[in-house]
């Protein structure tokens, strides 16, 4: 698989990486429903066998469970070890309720817990998962703590997730930002206006998440399937999976399916390739819950859409919005 340099780091990552959110399993605030751990491990192994060279997880995914599954999968895999990316600053209490905490002491506790769960000595990219509430001084405290962890060698590079331009500027005054992890898909394009241009100018790598809009753009999501999403799947109550957005999104899927048939690919791969066409985007995080799903999406980094196909997608987007 082709690789690209992530920001100004020495990490050269494949255009698609394995996303480990859904494999956290059920029983927490932002779960995707129940998940078979053996299938999660099989999905990770298949992604690595296809050439994917990085895995993105977070402490909060499954309240630590995702990191543990990643460690188990890597221990059982004989191939080259991938880069490990994880995230901090979302903490949970004894009842499983999640809140943002960017205090330095808290981040130091989190890095030790993540290193233990992942069974590694150093994390390749450590990220602040969500910024604090507006104007909170915790942003500076949290980012300063991240910079110290890098100096101490506990992490190789540091990045952020879900930051806006103002927050990126505040962090950059303290220490360089290796990367930003924002949501980006045909459905959610808010970062195109100012965030992506800023990152391109400043040399900040961008690894987008939810390029298939949390499964909506895979081609497997139908009205019937949406209606049967379990209550412990966070998508069951999200506006993207309810009217009027649902009809608009399914219209986009029809166009993606039409284009995917020309390439002998899946609609999800077309959706991912659409995000990767942007010059500011280094790579995309792609989740899969089993090896079969991996086979259907992880080669998207090799796919190039023609200008005509991009225009077709844009026309459909505009028509569905109207």
Protein backbone atom coordinates (compact mmCIF):
# COMPACT_ATOMS: atom_id res chain seq x y z
CA UNK A 1 0.00 0.00 0.00
CA UNK A 2 1.10 3.56 -0.67
CA UNK A 3 2.17 5.66 2.31
CA UNK A 4 2.31 9.36 3.08
CA UNK A 5 4.27 11.29 5.68
CA UNK A 6 2.12 12.32 8.64
CA UNK A 7 2.67 16.03 9.12
CA UNK A 8 6.31 16.77 9.94
CA UNK A 9 6.86 13.47 11.76
CA UNK A 10 8.91 10.47 10.66
CA UNK A 11 5.73 8.37 10.43
CA UNK A 12 4.90 7.22 6.91
CA UNK A 13 1.40 5.77 7.09
CA UNK A 14 -0.83 3.92 4.65
CA UNK A 15 -3.68 5.95 3.19
CA UNK A 16 -6.12 3.84 5.21
CA UNK A 17 -5.68 2.79 8.84
CA UNK A 18 -7.65 0.41 11.03
CA UNK A 19 -10.10 2.16 13.37
CA UNK A 20 -10.84 0.36 16.64
CA UNK A 21 -13.85 2.32 17.97
CA UNK A 22 -16.56 -0.27 17.30
CA UNK A 23 -14.54 -3.19 18.66
CA UNK A 24 -14.76 -1.65 22.12
CA UNK A 25 -18.01 -3.59 22.45
CA UNK A 26 -21.20 -2.72 24.28
CA UNK A 27 -21.93 -1.41 27.75
CA UNK A 28 -20.61 2.12 27.45
CA UNK A 29 -21.93 5.52 26.44
CA UNK A 30 -20.89 5.56 22.76
CA UNK A 31 -21.01 1.84 21.94
CA UNK A 32 -21.86 0.30 18.58
CA UNK A 33 -23.65 -2.66 20.14
CA UNK A 34 -22.32 -6.09 21.11
CA UNK A 35 -19.11 -7.31 19.49
CA UNK A 36 -17.35 -10.67 19.27
CA UNK A 37 -13.72 -10.23 20.37
CA UNK A 38 -12.52 -13.06 18.15
CA UNK A 39 -14.02 -11.34 15.12
CA UNK A 40 -12.33 -8.09 16.16
CA UNK A 41 -8.97 -9.85 16.28
CA UNK A 42 -9.66 -11.44 12.91
CA UNK A 43 -10.45 -8.02 11.45
CA UNK A 44 -7.20 -6.53 12.73
CA UNK A 45 -5.18 -9.47 11.40
CA UNK A 46 -6.78 -9.19 7.97
CA UNK A 47 -6.14 -5.44 7.81
CA UNK A 48 -2.47 -5.97 8.66
CA UNK A 49 -2.16 -8.80 6.15
CA UNK A 50 -3.48 -6.44 3.46
CA UNK A 51 -0.69 -3.98 4.28
CA UNK A 52 -2.31 -1.49 6.67
CA UNK A 53 0.48 -0.16 8.90
CA UNK A 54 -1.35 1.74 11.66
CA UNK A 55 -4.15 1.22 14.15
CA UNK A 56 -6.10 4.03 15.77
CA UNK A 57 -7.81 3.40 19.10
CA UNK A 58 -8.60 5.36 22.28
CA UNK A 59 -8.68 4.69 25.99
CA UNK A 60 -12.39 5.41 26.15
CA UNK A 61 -13.42 2.91 23.44
CA UNK A 62 -15.13 0.22 25.46
CA UNK A 63 -13.68 1.84 28.59
CA UNK A 64 -10.27 0.33 27.91
CA UNK A 65 -11.46 -2.80 26.12
CA UNK A 66 -10.51 -1.70 22.61
CA UNK A 67 -6.89 -1.11 23.63
CA UNK A 68 -6.79 -4.54 25.24
CA UNK A 69 -8.15 -6.22 22.10
CA UNK A 70 -5.58 -4.40 19.96
CA UNK A 71 -2.83 -5.76 22.24
CA UNK A 72 -4.21 -9.30 22.03
CA UNK A 73 -4.43 -9.10 18.24
CA UNK A 74 -0.84 -7.90 17.88
CA UNK A 75 0.47 -10.54 20.26
CA UNK A 76 -1.15 -13.23 18.09
CA UNK A 77 0.08 -11.76 14.78
CA UNK A 78 3.47 -12.79 13.41
CA UNK A 79 3.84 -10.03 10.82
CA UNK A 80 5.35 -6.56 11.04
CA UNK A 81 4.09 -4.50 13.96
CA UNK A 82 1.98 -1.49 12.98
CA UNK A 83 2.14 2.01 14.39
CA UNK A 84 -0.17 2.40 17.39
CA UNK A 85 -2.19 5.60 17.76
CA UNK A 86 -4.39 6.18 20.81
CA UNK A 87 -6.12 9.06 22.55
CA UNK A 88 -6.59 10.58 25.99
CA UNK A 89 -8.70 13.16 27.86
CA UNK A 90 -12.01 11.31 27.97
CA UNK A 91 -12.32 9.75 31.43
CA UNK A 92 -15.06 7.60 32.89
CA UNK A 93 -16.39 7.09 36.39
CA UNK A 94 -17.53 3.94 38.17
CA UNK A 95 -20.91 4.20 36.46
CA UNK A 96 -19.29 4.43 33.03
CA UNK A 97 -20.20 8.07 32.47
CA UNK A 98 -17.67 9.86 30.26
CA UNK A 99 -16.38 13.40 30.68
CA UNK A 100 -13.55 15.52 29.29
CA UNK A 101 -10.55 15.88 31.61
CA UNK A 102 -7.34 17.57 30.41
CA UNK A 103 -5.61 18.06 33.75
CA UNK A 104 -1.92 17.17 33.56
CA UNK A 105 -2.15 14.66 36.39
CA UNK A 106 -5.06 12.92 34.65
CA UNK A 107 -3.24 12.65 31.31
CA UNK A 108 -0.20 11.19 33.05
CA UNK A 109 -2.42 8.55 34.64
CA UNK A 110 -4.00 7.82 31.26
CA UNK A 111 -0.71 7.28 29.43
CA UNK A 112 0.39 4.70 31.99
CA UNK A 113 -2.95 2.90 31.72
CA UNK A 114 -2.82 2.90 27.90
CA UNK A 115 0.77 1.63 27.82
CA UNK A 116 -0.25 -1.19 30.14
CA UNK A 117 -3.38 -2.14 28.18
CA UNK A 118 -1.60 -1.94 24.82
CA UNK A 119 1.43 -3.81 26.22
CA UNK A 120 3.91 -1.42 24.58
CA UNK A 121 6.75 0.76 25.89
CA UNK A 122 5.97 3.77 23.72
CA UNK A 123 2.96 5.02 21.75
CA UNK A 124 3.65 6.24 18.23
CA UNK A 125 0.99 8.97 18.20
CA UNK A 126 -0.78 10.18 21.35
CA UNK A 127 -3.76 12.48 20.82
CA UNK A 128 -6.10 14.66 22.84
CA UNK A 129 -9.46 13.12 22.03
CA UNK A 130 -11.66 16.19 22.48
CA UNK A 131 -10.84 19.80 23.36
CA UNK A 132 -12.12 21.21 26.64
CA UNK A 133 -15.09 23.52 26.82
CA UNK A 134 -14.54 26.93 25.16
CA UNK A 135 -12.06 29.24 26.89
CA UNK A 136 -11.04 26.58 29.42
CA UNK A 137 -7.38 26.85 30.48
CA UNK A 138 -7.24 23.05 30.50
CA UNK A 139 -6.34 23.10 26.80
CA UNK A 140 -2.97 24.63 27.58
CA UNK A 141 -2.45 22.42 30.62
CA UNK A 142 -3.35 19.27 28.73
CA UNK A 143 -1.23 20.06 25.67
CA UNK A 144 1.73 20.99 27.85
CA UNK A 145 1.43 17.60 29.54
CA UNK A 146 1.38 15.89 26.14
CA UNK A 147 4.55 17.77 25.13
CA UNK A 148 6.26 16.62 28.33
CA UNK A 149 5.34 13.00 27.60
CA UNK A 150 7.00 13.35 24.21
CA UNK A 151 10.17 14.77 25.79
CA UNK A 152 10.21 11.86 28.25
CA UNK A 153 9.94 9.32 25.41
CA UNK A 154 6.64 7.79 26.47
CA UNK A 155 5.15 8.88 23.14
CA UNK A 156 6.87 9.56 19.82
CA UNK A 157 4.52 12.21 18.41
CA UNK A 158 1.52 14.16 19.68
CA UNK A 159 -1.66 15.24 17.96
CA UNK A 160 -5.22 16.37 18.59
CA UNK A 161 -8.70 15.37 17.57
CA UNK A 162 -11.84 17.46 17.00
CA UNK A 163 -10.03 20.80 17.41
CA UNK A 164 -11.08 23.92 15.52
CA UNK A 165 -8.61 26.44 14.08
CA UNK A 166 -8.64 28.66 17.16
CA UNK A 167 -7.85 25.68 19.39
CA UNK A 168 -5.12 24.52 17.03
CA UNK A 169 -3.50 27.95 17.24
CA UNK A 170 -3.63 27.92 21.03
CA UNK A 171 -1.95 24.51 21.17
CA UNK A 172 0.66 25.41 18.56
CA UNK A 173 1.96 28.21 20.79
CA UNK A 174 3.07 25.55 23.28
CA UNK A 175 4.32 22.69 21.11
CA UNK A 176 4.13 21.60 17.45
CA UNK A 177 1.03 19.65 16.43
CA UNK A 178 1.82 16.50 14.45
CA UNK A 179 -1.72 15.79 13.34
CA UNK A 180 -5.40 16.56 13.59
CA UNK A 181 -8.11 13.90 13.61
CA UNK A 182 -11.44 15.41 12.50
CA UNK A 183 -14.66 13.85 11.19
CA UNK A 184 -14.95 14.09 7.41
CA UNK A 185 -17.29 12.48 4.93
CA UNK A 186 -19.67 13.35 2.12
CA UNK A 187 -22.28 13.93 4.82
CA UNK A 188 -20.12 16.00 7.17
CA UNK A 189 -17.95 18.48 5.27
CA UNK A 190 -17.65 21.29 7.81
CA UNK A 191 -13.84 21.11 7.96
CA UNK A 192 -13.46 22.05 4.29
CA UNK A 193 -13.96 25.77 4.88
CA UNK A 194 -11.13 26.65 7.26
CA UNK A 195 -9.70 23.62 9.11
CA UNK A 196 -8.31 21.72 6.13
CA UNK A 197 -6.76 24.83 4.51
CA UNK A 198 -5.15 25.75 7.86
CA UNK A 199 -3.65 22.28 8.32
CA UNK A 200 -2.35 22.29 4.75
CA UNK A 201 -0.64 25.67 5.28
CA UNK A 202 0.85 24.70 8.64
CA UNK A 203 2.06 21.24 7.69
CA UNK A 204 -0.27 19.47 10.12
CA UNK A 205 -1.16 15.94 9.09
CA UNK A 206 -4.86 15.11 8.85
CA UNK A 207 -6.24 11.64 9.54
CA UNK A 208 -9.99 11.82 9.10
CA UNK A 209 -12.44 9.62 10.95
CA UNK A 210 -15.86 8.33 9.92
CA UNK A 211 -15.21 8.68 6.15
CA UNK A 212 -18.14 6.31 5.60
CA UNK A 213 -20.28 8.34 8.02
CA UNK A 214 -20.35 5.59 10.67
CA UNK A 215 -21.59 2.98 8.23
CA UNK A 216 -24.22 5.09 6.47
CA UNK A 217 -22.21 5.22 3.22
CA UNK A 218 -21.12 1.59 3.09
CA UNK A 219 -24.02 0.48 0.92
CA UNK A 220 -25.08 -2.01 3.58
CA UNK A 221 -27.25 0.46 5.49
CA UNK A 222 -30.90 0.28 4.40
CA UNK A 223 -34.08 1.71 5.91
CA UNK A 224 -34.86 -1.73 7.30
CA UNK A 225 -31.45 -2.10 8.88
CA UNK A 226 -31.62 1.39 10.37
CA UNK A 227 -35.00 0.57 11.91
CA UNK A 228 -33.49 -2.50 13.56
CA UNK A 229 -30.40 -0.87 15.08
CA UNK A 230 -30.26 -1.94 18.75
CA UNK A 231 -30.75 0.66 21.44
CA UNK A 232 -27.18 0.19 22.66
CA UNK A 233 -25.92 1.32 19.24
CA UNK A 234 -25.41 5.11 19.44
CA UNK A 235 -26.43 5.47 15.79
CA UNK A 236 -30.02 4.49 16.56
CA UNK A 237 -30.72 7.98 17.92
CA UNK A 238 -28.40 10.02 15.68
CA UNK A 239 -29.96 12.48 13.17
CA UNK A 240 -27.96 10.98 10.28
CA UNK A 241 -29.99 7.79 10.67
CA UNK A 242 -33.35 9.53 10.99
CA UNK A 243 -35.54 11.55 8.65
CA UNK A 244 -35.15 13.88 6.89
CA UNK A 245 -31.39 13.23 6.75
CA UNK A 246 -31.87 9.51 6.16
CA UNK A 247 -33.48 9.93 2.72
CA UNK A 248 -30.82 12.41 1.67
CA UNK A 249 -28.03 10.11 2.78
CA UNK A 250 -29.49 7.07 1.03
CA UNK A 251 -29.68 9.09 -2.21
CA UNK A 252 -25.93 9.64 -1.92
CA UNK A 253 -25.43 5.92 -1.37
CA UNK A 254 -27.24 5.19 -4.64
CA UNK A 255 -24.72 7.33 -6.54
CA UNK A 256 -21.77 5.78 -4.68
CA UNK A 257 -23.12 2.34 -5.56
CA UNK A 258 -23.42 3.28 -9.22
CA UNK A 259 -19.80 4.45 -9.33
CA UNK A 260 -18.53 1.51 -7.28
CA UNK A 261 -20.03 -0.93 -9.78
CA UNK A 262 -17.85 0.58 -12.53
CA UNK A 263 -14.72 -0.14 -10.48
CA UNK A 264 -15.75 -3.49 -9.07
CA UNK A 265 -15.44 -1.97 -5.61
CA UNK A 266 -17.78 -1.29 -2.69
CA UNK A 267 -19.71 1.97 -2.15
CA UNK A 268 -17.78 2.41 1.09
CA UNK A 269 -14.49 2.44 -0.80
CA UNK A 270 -15.81 5.19 -3.05
CA UNK A 271 -16.82 7.21 0.03
CA UNK A 272 -13.34 6.78 1.53
CA UNK A 273 -11.59 7.60 -1.74
CA UNK A 274 -13.66 10.79 -1.96
CA UNK A 275 -12.17 12.00 1.35
CA UNK A 276 -8.63 11.03 0.34
CA UNK A 277 -8.82 13.14 -2.82
CA UNK A 278 -8.43 16.32 -0.71
CA UNK A 279 -4.78 17.47 -0.69
CA UNK A 280 -4.86 18.22 3.06
CA UNK A 281 -5.97 14.70 4.00
CA UNK A 282 -3.08 12.36 4.80
CA UNK A 283 -5.13 9.25 5.53
CA UNK A 284 -8.50 7.95 6.68
CA UNK A 285 -9.47 5.85 9.69
CA UNK A 286 -11.66 2.94 8.61
CA UNK A 287 -13.39 0.69 11.08
CA UNK A 288 -14.33 -2.94 10.51
CA UNK A 289 -15.86 -5.45 12.89
CA UNK A 290 -14.83 -8.64 11.06
CA UNK A 291 -12.48 -9.81 8.32
CA UNK A 292 -15.23 -9.73 5.69
CA UNK A 293 -15.79 -6.03 6.28
CA UNK A 294 -12.05 -5.44 6.08
CA UNK A 295 -11.94 -7.01 2.63
CA UNK A 296 -14.62 -4.59 1.46
CA UNK A 297 -12.98 -1.30 2.49
CA UNK A 298 -9.28 -1.45 3.35
CA UNK A 299 -8.05 -1.17 -0.23
CA UNK A 300 -9.73 2.20 -0.70
CA UNK A 301 -6.40 3.99 -0.49
CA UNK A 302 -5.45 2.53 -3.88
CA UNK A 303 -8.58 3.90 -5.58
CA UNK A 304 -8.51 7.15 -7.54
CA UNK A 305 -11.72 8.85 -8.61
CA UNK A 306 -11.81 10.70 -11.91
CA UNK A 307 -12.82 14.34 -12.08
CA UNK A 308 -16.02 13.22 -13.79
CA UNK A 309 -16.87 10.86 -10.93
CA UNK A 310 -16.17 13.52 -8.31
CA UNK A 311 -18.45 15.91 -10.20
CA UNK A 312 -21.19 13.26 -10.31
CA UNK A 313 -20.95 12.85 -6.55
CA UNK A 314 -20.99 16.62 -5.99
CA UNK A 315 -24.07 17.02 -8.22
CA UNK A 316 -25.90 14.32 -6.30
CA UNK A 317 -24.89 15.94 -3.02
CA UNK A 318 -26.28 19.29 -4.16
CA UNK A 319 -29.50 17.74 -5.46
CA UNK A 320 -30.12 15.76 -2.28
CA UNK A 321 -29.46 18.84 -0.17
CA UNK A 322 -32.05 20.78 -2.17
